N, C-alpha and C. Protein backbone atom coordinates (compact mmCIF):
# COMPACT_ATOMS: atom_id res chain seq x y z
N UNK A 1 -116.91 -124.94 -78.32
CA UNK A 1 -115.61 -124.40 -77.94
C UNK A 1 -115.82 -123.08 -77.20
N UNK A 2 -115.05 -122.90 -76.17
CA UNK A 2 -115.02 -121.63 -75.47
C UNK A 2 -114.52 -120.59 -76.46
N UNK A 3 -115.24 -119.50 -76.60
CA UNK A 3 -114.91 -118.53 -77.64
C UNK A 3 -113.53 -117.90 -77.47
N UNK A 4 -112.92 -118.06 -76.29
CA UNK A 4 -111.59 -117.51 -76.08
C UNK A 4 -110.51 -118.45 -76.56
N UNK A 5 -110.83 -119.73 -76.70
CA UNK A 5 -109.82 -120.71 -77.05
C UNK A 5 -109.46 -120.67 -78.52
N UNK A 6 -108.18 -120.90 -78.76
CA UNK A 6 -107.68 -121.05 -80.12
C UNK A 6 -107.48 -122.53 -80.40
N UNK A 7 -107.50 -122.90 -81.67
CA UNK A 7 -107.12 -124.25 -82.09
C UNK A 7 -105.66 -124.17 -82.48
N UNK A 8 -104.82 -124.94 -81.83
CA UNK A 8 -103.39 -124.86 -82.07
C UNK A 8 -102.88 -126.19 -82.63
N UNK A 9 -102.18 -126.11 -83.76
CA UNK A 9 -101.63 -127.30 -84.39
C UNK A 9 -100.14 -127.39 -84.10
N UNK A 10 -99.72 -128.56 -83.63
CA UNK A 10 -98.32 -128.78 -83.35
C UNK A 10 -97.89 -130.14 -83.89
N UNK A 11 -96.59 -130.31 -84.00
CA UNK A 11 -96.04 -131.55 -84.52
C UNK A 11 -94.76 -131.27 -85.27
N UNK A 12 -94.19 -132.32 -85.79
CA UNK A 12 -92.92 -132.21 -86.51
C UNK A 12 -93.06 -131.35 -87.76
N UNK A 13 -91.93 -130.81 -88.19
CA UNK A 13 -91.90 -130.17 -89.50
C UNK A 13 -92.34 -131.22 -90.52
N UNK A 14 -93.09 -130.80 -91.50
CA UNK A 14 -93.55 -131.75 -92.51
C UNK A 14 -94.81 -132.51 -92.14
N UNK A 15 -95.39 -132.19 -90.98
CA UNK A 15 -96.59 -132.94 -90.55
C UNK A 15 -97.89 -132.35 -91.10
N UNK A 16 -97.81 -131.18 -91.73
CA UNK A 16 -99.00 -130.59 -92.33
C UNK A 16 -99.69 -129.54 -91.49
N UNK A 17 -99.00 -129.00 -90.50
CA UNK A 17 -99.63 -128.03 -89.61
C UNK A 17 -100.18 -126.81 -90.36
N UNK A 18 -99.39 -126.31 -91.30
CA UNK A 18 -99.82 -125.13 -92.07
C UNK A 18 -100.96 -125.46 -93.01
N UNK A 19 -100.84 -126.51 -93.77
CA UNK A 19 -101.90 -126.83 -94.75
C UNK A 19 -103.19 -127.27 -94.05
N UNK A 20 -103.09 -128.10 -93.03
CA UNK A 20 -104.29 -128.54 -92.31
C UNK A 20 -104.90 -127.36 -91.55
N UNK A 21 -104.05 -126.57 -90.91
CA UNK A 21 -104.54 -125.39 -90.18
C UNK A 21 -105.30 -124.44 -91.07
N UNK A 22 -104.76 -124.20 -92.25
CA UNK A 22 -105.40 -123.31 -93.22
C UNK A 22 -106.77 -123.87 -93.65
N UNK A 23 -106.82 -125.16 -93.94
CA UNK A 23 -108.09 -125.78 -94.34
C UNK A 23 -109.13 -125.74 -93.22
N UNK A 24 -108.70 -126.02 -91.99
CA UNK A 24 -109.62 -125.99 -90.84
C UNK A 24 -110.15 -124.57 -90.65
N UNK A 25 -109.28 -123.58 -90.75
CA UNK A 25 -109.73 -122.19 -90.56
C UNK A 25 -110.76 -121.78 -91.62
N UNK A 26 -110.55 -122.23 -92.86
CA UNK A 26 -111.51 -121.92 -93.93
C UNK A 26 -112.86 -122.58 -93.67
N UNK A 27 -112.82 -123.86 -93.27
CA UNK A 27 -114.07 -124.60 -93.01
C UNK A 27 -114.85 -123.97 -91.85
N UNK A 28 -114.14 -123.51 -90.83
CA UNK A 28 -114.79 -122.93 -89.65
C UNK A 28 -115.01 -121.43 -89.80
N UNK A 29 -114.45 -120.88 -90.88
CA UNK A 29 -114.56 -119.45 -91.14
C UNK A 29 -114.01 -118.60 -89.98
N UNK A 30 -112.81 -118.99 -89.53
CA UNK A 30 -112.13 -118.20 -88.50
C UNK A 30 -110.70 -117.93 -88.98
N UNK A 31 -110.05 -116.96 -88.35
CA UNK A 31 -108.71 -116.53 -88.76
C UNK A 31 -107.67 -117.64 -88.61
N UNK A 32 -106.61 -117.53 -89.41
CA UNK A 32 -105.51 -118.48 -89.39
C UNK A 32 -104.19 -117.73 -89.27
N UNK A 33 -103.33 -118.21 -88.37
CA UNK A 33 -101.99 -117.65 -88.22
C UNK A 33 -100.98 -118.79 -88.34
N UNK A 34 -100.04 -118.62 -89.26
CA UNK A 34 -98.91 -119.54 -89.40
C UNK A 34 -97.72 -118.84 -88.76
N UNK A 35 -97.27 -119.33 -87.61
CA UNK A 35 -96.22 -118.66 -86.85
C UNK A 35 -94.93 -118.50 -87.67
N UNK A 36 -94.52 -119.54 -88.39
CA UNK A 36 -93.30 -119.41 -89.19
C UNK A 36 -93.42 -118.30 -90.23
N UNK A 37 -94.58 -118.22 -90.89
CA UNK A 37 -94.80 -117.15 -91.89
C UNK A 37 -94.77 -115.78 -91.22
N UNK A 38 -95.33 -115.70 -90.03
CA UNK A 38 -95.35 -114.44 -89.28
C UNK A 38 -93.93 -113.99 -88.94
N UNK A 39 -93.09 -114.95 -88.54
CA UNK A 39 -91.69 -114.65 -88.22
C UNK A 39 -90.95 -114.21 -89.48
N UNK A 40 -91.16 -114.92 -90.58
CA UNK A 40 -90.50 -114.55 -91.85
C UNK A 40 -90.88 -113.13 -92.26
N UNK A 41 -92.15 -112.80 -92.08
CA UNK A 41 -92.62 -111.45 -92.45
C UNK A 41 -91.98 -110.40 -91.53
N UNK A 42 -91.94 -110.69 -90.25
CA UNK A 42 -91.38 -109.74 -89.28
C UNK A 42 -89.90 -109.48 -89.54
N UNK A 43 -89.14 -110.54 -89.79
CA UNK A 43 -87.69 -110.41 -89.96
C UNK A 43 -87.31 -110.08 -91.40
N UNK A 44 -88.17 -110.46 -92.33
CA UNK A 44 -87.89 -110.20 -93.74
C UNK A 44 -86.97 -111.24 -94.37
N UNK A 45 -86.88 -112.39 -93.73
CA UNK A 45 -86.04 -113.49 -94.24
C UNK A 45 -86.77 -114.82 -94.07
N UNK A 46 -86.43 -115.80 -94.91
CA UNK A 46 -86.95 -117.16 -94.75
C UNK A 46 -86.33 -117.75 -93.47
N UNK A 47 -87.03 -118.71 -92.87
CA UNK A 47 -86.56 -119.33 -91.63
C UNK A 47 -85.12 -119.84 -91.78
N UNK A 48 -84.82 -120.52 -92.88
CA UNK A 48 -83.47 -121.07 -93.07
C UNK A 48 -82.42 -119.96 -93.06
N UNK A 49 -82.75 -118.80 -93.63
CA UNK A 49 -81.81 -117.66 -93.66
C UNK A 49 -81.66 -117.05 -92.26
N UNK A 50 -82.74 -117.04 -91.49
CA UNK A 50 -82.66 -116.52 -90.12
C UNK A 50 -81.69 -117.40 -89.32
N UNK A 51 -81.82 -118.72 -89.46
CA UNK A 51 -80.91 -119.65 -88.79
C UNK A 51 -79.47 -119.41 -89.23
N UNK A 52 -79.26 -119.29 -90.54
CA UNK A 52 -77.90 -119.08 -91.08
C UNK A 52 -77.29 -117.78 -90.57
N UNK A 53 -78.09 -116.73 -90.61
CA UNK A 53 -77.59 -115.39 -90.29
C UNK A 53 -77.48 -115.13 -88.78
N UNK A 54 -78.52 -115.54 -88.03
CA UNK A 54 -78.60 -115.18 -86.62
C UNK A 54 -78.53 -116.35 -85.64
N UNK A 55 -78.66 -117.58 -86.14
CA UNK A 55 -78.58 -118.75 -85.26
C UNK A 55 -79.93 -119.17 -84.70
N UNK A 56 -79.96 -120.39 -84.18
CA UNK A 56 -81.21 -120.94 -83.65
C UNK A 56 -81.68 -120.21 -82.40
N UNK A 57 -80.75 -119.82 -81.51
CA UNK A 57 -81.14 -119.15 -80.27
C UNK A 57 -81.95 -117.88 -80.58
N UNK A 58 -81.47 -117.08 -81.50
CA UNK A 58 -82.17 -115.85 -81.91
C UNK A 58 -83.56 -116.20 -82.46
N UNK A 59 -83.60 -117.20 -83.35
CA UNK A 59 -84.88 -117.62 -83.93
C UNK A 59 -85.86 -118.02 -82.83
N UNK A 60 -85.41 -118.82 -81.86
CA UNK A 60 -86.30 -119.30 -80.79
C UNK A 60 -86.82 -118.15 -79.93
N UNK A 61 -86.02 -117.11 -79.75
CA UNK A 61 -86.47 -115.94 -78.99
C UNK A 61 -87.60 -115.22 -79.73
N UNK A 62 -87.42 -115.02 -81.03
CA UNK A 62 -88.46 -114.37 -81.85
C UNK A 62 -89.70 -115.26 -81.90
N UNK A 63 -89.48 -116.56 -82.04
CA UNK A 63 -90.60 -117.52 -82.09
C UNK A 63 -91.44 -117.44 -80.81
N UNK A 64 -90.78 -117.36 -79.66
CA UNK A 64 -91.51 -117.27 -78.39
C UNK A 64 -92.36 -115.99 -78.34
N UNK A 65 -91.76 -114.88 -78.71
CA UNK A 65 -92.48 -113.59 -78.69
C UNK A 65 -93.69 -113.65 -79.62
N UNK A 66 -93.48 -114.05 -80.86
CA UNK A 66 -94.57 -114.08 -81.86
C UNK A 66 -95.66 -115.09 -81.50
N UNK A 67 -95.26 -116.24 -80.96
CA UNK A 67 -96.24 -117.27 -80.60
C UNK A 67 -97.10 -116.81 -79.43
N UNK A 68 -96.46 -116.31 -78.38
CA UNK A 68 -97.23 -115.87 -77.20
C UNK A 68 -98.15 -114.70 -77.56
N UNK A 69 -97.67 -113.82 -78.44
CA UNK A 69 -98.51 -112.70 -78.90
C UNK A 69 -99.72 -113.24 -79.68
N UNK A 70 -99.49 -114.18 -80.57
CA UNK A 70 -100.57 -114.76 -81.39
C UNK A 70 -101.59 -115.51 -80.54
N UNK A 71 -101.12 -116.14 -79.47
CA UNK A 71 -102.02 -116.89 -78.60
C UNK A 71 -102.96 -115.99 -77.81
N UNK A 72 -102.71 -114.67 -77.82
CA UNK A 72 -103.61 -113.73 -77.16
C UNK A 72 -104.87 -113.50 -78.00
N UNK A 73 -104.82 -113.91 -79.26
CA UNK A 73 -106.01 -113.82 -80.11
C UNK A 73 -107.12 -114.70 -79.54
N UNK A 74 -108.29 -114.50 -80.04
CA UNK A 74 -109.44 -115.31 -79.64
C UNK A 74 -109.95 -116.05 -80.86
N UNK A 75 -110.33 -117.28 -80.65
CA UNK A 75 -110.96 -118.09 -81.69
C UNK A 75 -110.22 -118.00 -83.03
N UNK A 76 -108.96 -118.43 -82.99
CA UNK A 76 -108.08 -118.40 -84.16
C UNK A 76 -107.43 -119.76 -84.31
N UNK A 77 -107.17 -120.16 -85.55
CA UNK A 77 -106.40 -121.38 -85.81
C UNK A 77 -104.94 -120.96 -85.92
N UNK A 78 -104.08 -121.61 -85.13
CA UNK A 78 -102.67 -121.25 -85.10
C UNK A 78 -101.82 -122.48 -85.40
N UNK A 79 -100.92 -122.32 -86.37
CA UNK A 79 -99.98 -123.38 -86.73
C UNK A 79 -98.61 -123.01 -86.17
N UNK A 80 -98.13 -123.83 -85.24
CA UNK A 80 -96.81 -123.59 -84.64
C UNK A 80 -95.70 -124.08 -85.55
N UNK A 81 -94.51 -123.57 -85.31
CA UNK A 81 -93.33 -124.15 -85.94
C UNK A 81 -93.04 -125.47 -85.23
N UNK A 82 -92.28 -126.34 -85.87
CA UNK A 82 -92.02 -127.67 -85.32
C UNK A 82 -91.42 -127.70 -83.93
N UNK A 83 -90.60 -126.70 -83.59
CA UNK A 83 -89.93 -126.68 -82.29
C UNK A 83 -90.60 -125.82 -81.23
N UNK A 84 -91.64 -125.10 -81.59
CA UNK A 84 -92.24 -124.13 -80.66
C UNK A 84 -92.80 -124.77 -79.39
N UNK A 85 -93.41 -125.94 -79.51
CA UNK A 85 -94.05 -126.59 -78.36
C UNK A 85 -93.02 -127.11 -77.36
N UNK A 86 -91.75 -127.12 -77.74
CA UNK A 86 -90.69 -127.53 -76.82
C UNK A 86 -90.38 -126.42 -75.82
N UNK A 87 -90.79 -125.20 -76.15
CA UNK A 87 -90.61 -124.04 -75.28
C UNK A 87 -91.62 -124.14 -74.14
N UNK A 88 -91.15 -124.13 -72.90
CA UNK A 88 -92.04 -124.35 -71.74
C UNK A 88 -93.10 -123.27 -71.57
N UNK A 89 -92.76 -122.01 -71.87
CA UNK A 89 -93.76 -120.93 -71.74
C UNK A 89 -94.88 -121.13 -72.77
N UNK A 90 -94.49 -121.45 -74.00
CA UNK A 90 -95.47 -121.67 -75.06
C UNK A 90 -96.33 -122.89 -74.73
N UNK A 91 -95.66 -123.98 -74.34
CA UNK A 91 -96.38 -125.22 -74.02
C UNK A 91 -97.39 -125.00 -72.90
N UNK A 92 -96.96 -124.33 -71.83
CA UNK A 92 -97.86 -124.10 -70.69
C UNK A 92 -99.07 -123.26 -71.12
N UNK A 93 -98.84 -122.19 -71.86
CA UNK A 93 -99.94 -121.34 -72.33
C UNK A 93 -100.93 -122.14 -73.16
N UNK A 94 -100.43 -122.96 -74.05
CA UNK A 94 -101.31 -123.76 -74.92
C UNK A 94 -102.08 -124.79 -74.12
N UNK A 95 -101.40 -125.52 -73.26
CA UNK A 95 -102.07 -126.57 -72.48
C UNK A 95 -103.09 -125.99 -71.50
N UNK A 96 -102.81 -124.81 -70.97
CA UNK A 96 -103.72 -124.20 -69.99
C UNK A 96 -104.94 -123.53 -70.63
N UNK A 97 -104.79 -123.00 -71.85
CA UNK A 97 -105.82 -122.09 -72.36
C UNK A 97 -106.34 -122.35 -73.78
N UNK A 98 -105.87 -123.39 -74.44
CA UNK A 98 -106.23 -123.57 -75.84
C UNK A 98 -106.50 -125.04 -76.16
N UNK A 99 -107.10 -125.28 -77.32
CA UNK A 99 -107.32 -126.64 -77.78
C UNK A 99 -106.16 -127.00 -78.70
N UNK A 100 -105.41 -128.05 -78.34
CA UNK A 100 -104.22 -128.38 -79.12
C UNK A 100 -104.36 -129.73 -79.82
N UNK A 101 -103.86 -129.76 -81.04
CA UNK A 101 -103.90 -130.97 -81.87
C UNK A 101 -102.48 -131.31 -82.32
N UNK A 102 -102.05 -132.51 -82.00
CA UNK A 102 -100.77 -133.02 -82.49
C UNK A 102 -101.02 -133.81 -83.76
N UNK A 103 -100.47 -133.35 -84.87
CA UNK A 103 -100.58 -134.07 -86.14
C UNK A 103 -99.46 -135.10 -86.18
N UNK A 104 -99.82 -136.33 -85.89
CA UNK A 104 -98.84 -137.41 -85.75
C UNK A 104 -98.78 -138.28 -87.00
N UNK A 105 -97.57 -138.61 -87.41
CA UNK A 105 -97.31 -139.47 -88.57
C UNK A 105 -96.28 -140.52 -88.18
N UNK A 106 -96.20 -141.58 -88.96
CA UNK A 106 -95.14 -142.57 -88.78
C UNK A 106 -93.80 -141.89 -88.99
N UNK A 107 -92.80 -142.33 -88.24
CA UNK A 107 -91.46 -141.76 -88.34
C UNK A 107 -90.96 -141.82 -89.79
N UNK A 108 -91.16 -142.96 -90.44
CA UNK A 108 -90.68 -143.15 -91.82
C UNK A 108 -91.29 -142.11 -92.77
N UNK A 109 -92.57 -141.86 -92.62
CA UNK A 109 -93.26 -140.86 -93.46
C UNK A 109 -92.64 -139.48 -93.26
N UNK A 110 -92.45 -139.09 -92.00
CA UNK A 110 -91.88 -137.77 -91.70
C UNK A 110 -90.46 -137.65 -92.24
N UNK A 111 -89.65 -138.68 -92.03
CA UNK A 111 -88.26 -138.64 -92.52
C UNK A 111 -88.26 -138.44 -94.03
N UNK A 112 -89.09 -139.17 -94.73
CA UNK A 112 -89.15 -139.04 -96.19
C UNK A 112 -89.60 -137.64 -96.63
N UNK A 113 -90.47 -137.03 -95.84
CA UNK A 113 -90.96 -135.69 -96.19
C UNK A 113 -89.93 -134.60 -95.97
N UNK A 114 -89.08 -134.76 -94.96
CA UNK A 114 -88.21 -133.64 -94.56
C UNK A 114 -86.73 -133.84 -94.82
N UNK A 115 -86.28 -135.05 -95.10
CA UNK A 115 -84.84 -135.34 -95.11
C UNK A 115 -84.01 -134.50 -96.07
N UNK A 116 -84.53 -134.15 -97.20
CA UNK A 116 -83.73 -133.39 -98.17
C UNK A 116 -84.14 -131.93 -98.30
N UNK A 117 -84.91 -131.45 -97.34
CA UNK A 117 -85.43 -130.10 -97.44
C UNK A 117 -84.42 -129.06 -96.97
N UNK A 118 -84.03 -128.17 -97.87
CA UNK A 118 -83.10 -127.11 -97.52
C UNK A 118 -83.77 -126.02 -96.67
N UNK A 119 -85.12 -126.00 -96.70
CA UNK A 119 -85.81 -124.96 -95.93
C UNK A 119 -86.06 -125.37 -94.47
N UNK A 120 -85.54 -126.53 -94.09
CA UNK A 120 -85.71 -127.00 -92.71
C UNK A 120 -84.34 -127.10 -92.04
N UNK A 121 -83.86 -125.98 -91.47
CA UNK A 121 -82.48 -125.91 -90.98
C UNK A 121 -82.12 -126.92 -89.89
N UNK A 122 -83.08 -127.35 -89.10
CA UNK A 122 -82.78 -128.29 -88.01
C UNK A 122 -82.34 -129.64 -88.57
N UNK A 123 -82.88 -130.05 -89.71
CA UNK A 123 -82.57 -131.38 -90.25
C UNK A 123 -81.78 -131.35 -91.56
N UNK A 124 -81.53 -130.18 -92.08
CA UNK A 124 -80.92 -130.04 -93.41
C UNK A 124 -79.66 -130.90 -93.59
N UNK A 125 -78.79 -130.90 -92.60
CA UNK A 125 -77.53 -131.64 -92.74
C UNK A 125 -77.51 -132.88 -91.84
N UNK A 126 -78.68 -133.34 -91.43
CA UNK A 126 -78.77 -134.50 -90.53
C UNK A 126 -78.90 -135.80 -91.30
N UNK A 127 -78.41 -136.86 -90.68
CA UNK A 127 -78.56 -138.20 -91.27
C UNK A 127 -79.98 -138.70 -90.98
N UNK A 128 -80.37 -139.74 -91.67
CA UNK A 128 -81.68 -140.37 -91.46
C UNK A 128 -81.85 -140.76 -89.98
N UNK A 129 -80.81 -141.35 -89.39
CA UNK A 129 -80.87 -141.77 -87.98
C UNK A 129 -81.04 -140.58 -87.04
N UNK A 130 -80.33 -139.48 -87.34
CA UNK A 130 -80.45 -138.28 -86.50
C UNK A 130 -81.86 -137.70 -86.58
N UNK A 131 -82.44 -137.71 -87.76
CA UNK A 131 -83.81 -137.20 -87.93
C UNK A 131 -84.78 -138.10 -87.17
N UNK A 132 -84.61 -139.41 -87.27
CA UNK A 132 -85.48 -140.35 -86.54
C UNK A 132 -85.40 -140.10 -85.03
N UNK A 133 -84.19 -139.88 -84.52
CA UNK A 133 -84.01 -139.61 -83.10
C UNK A 133 -84.72 -138.32 -82.68
N UNK A 134 -84.58 -137.29 -83.51
CA UNK A 134 -85.24 -136.01 -83.25
C UNK A 134 -86.76 -136.19 -83.19
N UNK A 135 -87.31 -136.93 -84.13
CA UNK A 135 -88.75 -137.19 -84.17
C UNK A 135 -89.19 -137.93 -82.90
N UNK A 136 -88.44 -138.94 -82.51
CA UNK A 136 -88.80 -139.72 -81.31
C UNK A 136 -88.75 -138.85 -80.06
N UNK A 137 -87.71 -138.02 -79.94
CA UNK A 137 -87.58 -137.13 -78.78
C UNK A 137 -88.72 -136.13 -78.72
N UNK A 138 -88.99 -135.50 -79.85
CA UNK A 138 -90.04 -134.48 -79.88
C UNK A 138 -91.43 -135.09 -79.67
N UNK A 139 -91.63 -136.30 -80.13
CA UNK A 139 -92.94 -136.95 -79.99
C UNK A 139 -93.36 -137.08 -78.53
N UNK A 140 -92.39 -137.27 -77.65
CA UNK A 140 -92.68 -137.36 -76.21
C UNK A 140 -93.31 -136.05 -75.74
N UNK A 141 -92.80 -134.94 -76.23
CA UNK A 141 -93.32 -133.62 -75.84
C UNK A 141 -94.64 -133.34 -76.55
N UNK A 142 -94.71 -133.65 -77.85
CA UNK A 142 -95.95 -133.44 -78.60
C UNK A 142 -97.11 -134.22 -78.00
N UNK A 143 -96.81 -135.36 -77.41
CA UNK A 143 -97.87 -136.23 -76.88
C UNK A 143 -98.66 -135.58 -75.74
N UNK A 144 -98.18 -134.46 -75.23
CA UNK A 144 -98.89 -133.73 -74.17
C UNK A 144 -100.06 -132.90 -74.73
N UNK A 145 -100.15 -132.80 -76.05
CA UNK A 145 -101.26 -132.05 -76.66
C UNK A 145 -102.59 -132.64 -76.22
N UNK A 146 -103.63 -131.83 -76.25
CA UNK A 146 -104.97 -132.27 -75.85
C UNK A 146 -105.46 -133.43 -76.73
N UNK A 147 -105.22 -133.33 -78.03
CA UNK A 147 -105.68 -134.36 -78.96
C UNK A 147 -104.54 -134.80 -79.87
N UNK A 148 -104.45 -136.10 -80.07
CA UNK A 148 -103.48 -136.68 -81.00
C UNK A 148 -104.26 -137.14 -82.23
N UNK A 149 -103.87 -136.63 -83.38
CA UNK A 149 -104.51 -137.03 -84.62
C UNK A 149 -103.52 -137.91 -85.38
N UNK A 150 -103.85 -139.19 -85.51
CA UNK A 150 -103.00 -140.10 -86.28
C UNK A 150 -103.36 -139.92 -87.75
N UNK A 151 -102.46 -139.31 -88.48
CA UNK A 151 -102.73 -138.87 -89.85
C UNK A 151 -102.40 -139.91 -90.92
N UNK A 152 -101.61 -140.90 -90.56
CA UNK A 152 -101.19 -141.92 -91.53
C UNK A 152 -102.42 -142.54 -92.20
N UNK A 153 -102.36 -142.70 -93.49
CA UNK A 153 -103.45 -143.31 -94.28
C UNK A 153 -104.73 -142.48 -94.36
N UNK A 154 -104.68 -141.22 -93.94
CA UNK A 154 -105.85 -140.34 -94.07
C UNK A 154 -105.54 -139.27 -95.11
N UNK A 155 -106.56 -138.83 -95.83
CA UNK A 155 -106.39 -137.71 -96.74
C UNK A 155 -106.44 -136.42 -95.93
N UNK A 156 -106.02 -135.31 -96.55
CA UNK A 156 -106.11 -134.02 -95.87
C UNK A 156 -107.55 -133.76 -95.42
N UNK A 157 -108.51 -134.03 -96.31
CA UNK A 157 -109.91 -133.78 -95.97
C UNK A 157 -110.39 -134.64 -94.80
N UNK A 158 -109.91 -135.88 -94.72
CA UNK A 158 -110.29 -136.75 -93.61
C UNK A 158 -109.70 -136.24 -92.29
N UNK A 159 -108.47 -135.74 -92.36
CA UNK A 159 -107.83 -135.18 -91.17
C UNK A 159 -108.61 -133.95 -90.70
N UNK A 160 -108.94 -133.07 -91.64
CA UNK A 160 -109.70 -131.85 -91.33
C UNK A 160 -111.05 -132.22 -90.72
N UNK A 161 -111.74 -133.17 -91.30
CA UNK A 161 -113.05 -133.61 -90.81
C UNK A 161 -112.96 -134.12 -89.37
N UNK A 162 -111.93 -134.92 -89.10
CA UNK A 162 -111.71 -135.48 -87.76
C UNK A 162 -111.50 -134.35 -86.74
N UNK A 163 -110.67 -133.37 -87.10
CA UNK A 163 -110.38 -132.24 -86.21
C UNK A 163 -111.64 -131.43 -85.96
N UNK A 164 -112.41 -131.15 -86.99
CA UNK A 164 -113.62 -130.34 -86.82
C UNK A 164 -114.64 -131.08 -85.95
N UNK A 165 -114.75 -132.39 -86.11
CA UNK A 165 -115.66 -133.18 -85.26
C UNK A 165 -115.26 -133.05 -83.79
N UNK A 166 -113.98 -133.16 -83.51
CA UNK A 166 -113.50 -133.01 -82.11
C UNK A 166 -113.76 -131.60 -81.62
N UNK A 167 -113.45 -130.63 -82.43
CA UNK A 167 -113.62 -129.22 -82.09
C UNK A 167 -115.08 -128.91 -81.75
N UNK A 168 -116.00 -129.43 -82.55
CA UNK A 168 -117.41 -129.13 -82.34
C UNK A 168 -117.98 -129.80 -81.10
N UNK A 169 -117.35 -130.86 -80.64
CA UNK A 169 -117.78 -131.54 -79.40
C UNK A 169 -117.20 -130.90 -78.16
N UNK A 170 -116.10 -130.15 -78.32
CA UNK A 170 -115.43 -129.61 -77.13
C UNK A 170 -116.05 -128.32 -76.63
């Protein structure tokens, strides 16, 4: 890997970006940044409360600032929020300068993971069909990532192993 490149994890909420990112960073002994956690720390509120209090537009503005700032790091594992890669500035920076991994799961698996989560404001009050539509729409954008990791039927350790093998070859 080019020492300037970061490993960036993207995908739907509930896809394991934070947990897989954390495990990969430990195995490679490099820093880890969870963008959602960084935003929560900066604002002093959970993501769901930021949405409630200030709205999605405000959240997306802070997300863009924090993500682009974090991407200036070198050789860091970065876990994006589920919607961050939809931002064209963030997407362009990642595709041009970093190694990106889309953690892909079956729609049914993702729906089951996120459908009743109060901490996920985008889907909190959505129907199963609305969540499925959101996943399908976002998947088109996520598919632009450098690497697609099909996670279905793999353990966390198998996913981590697969990512590290790709990383070490790049």
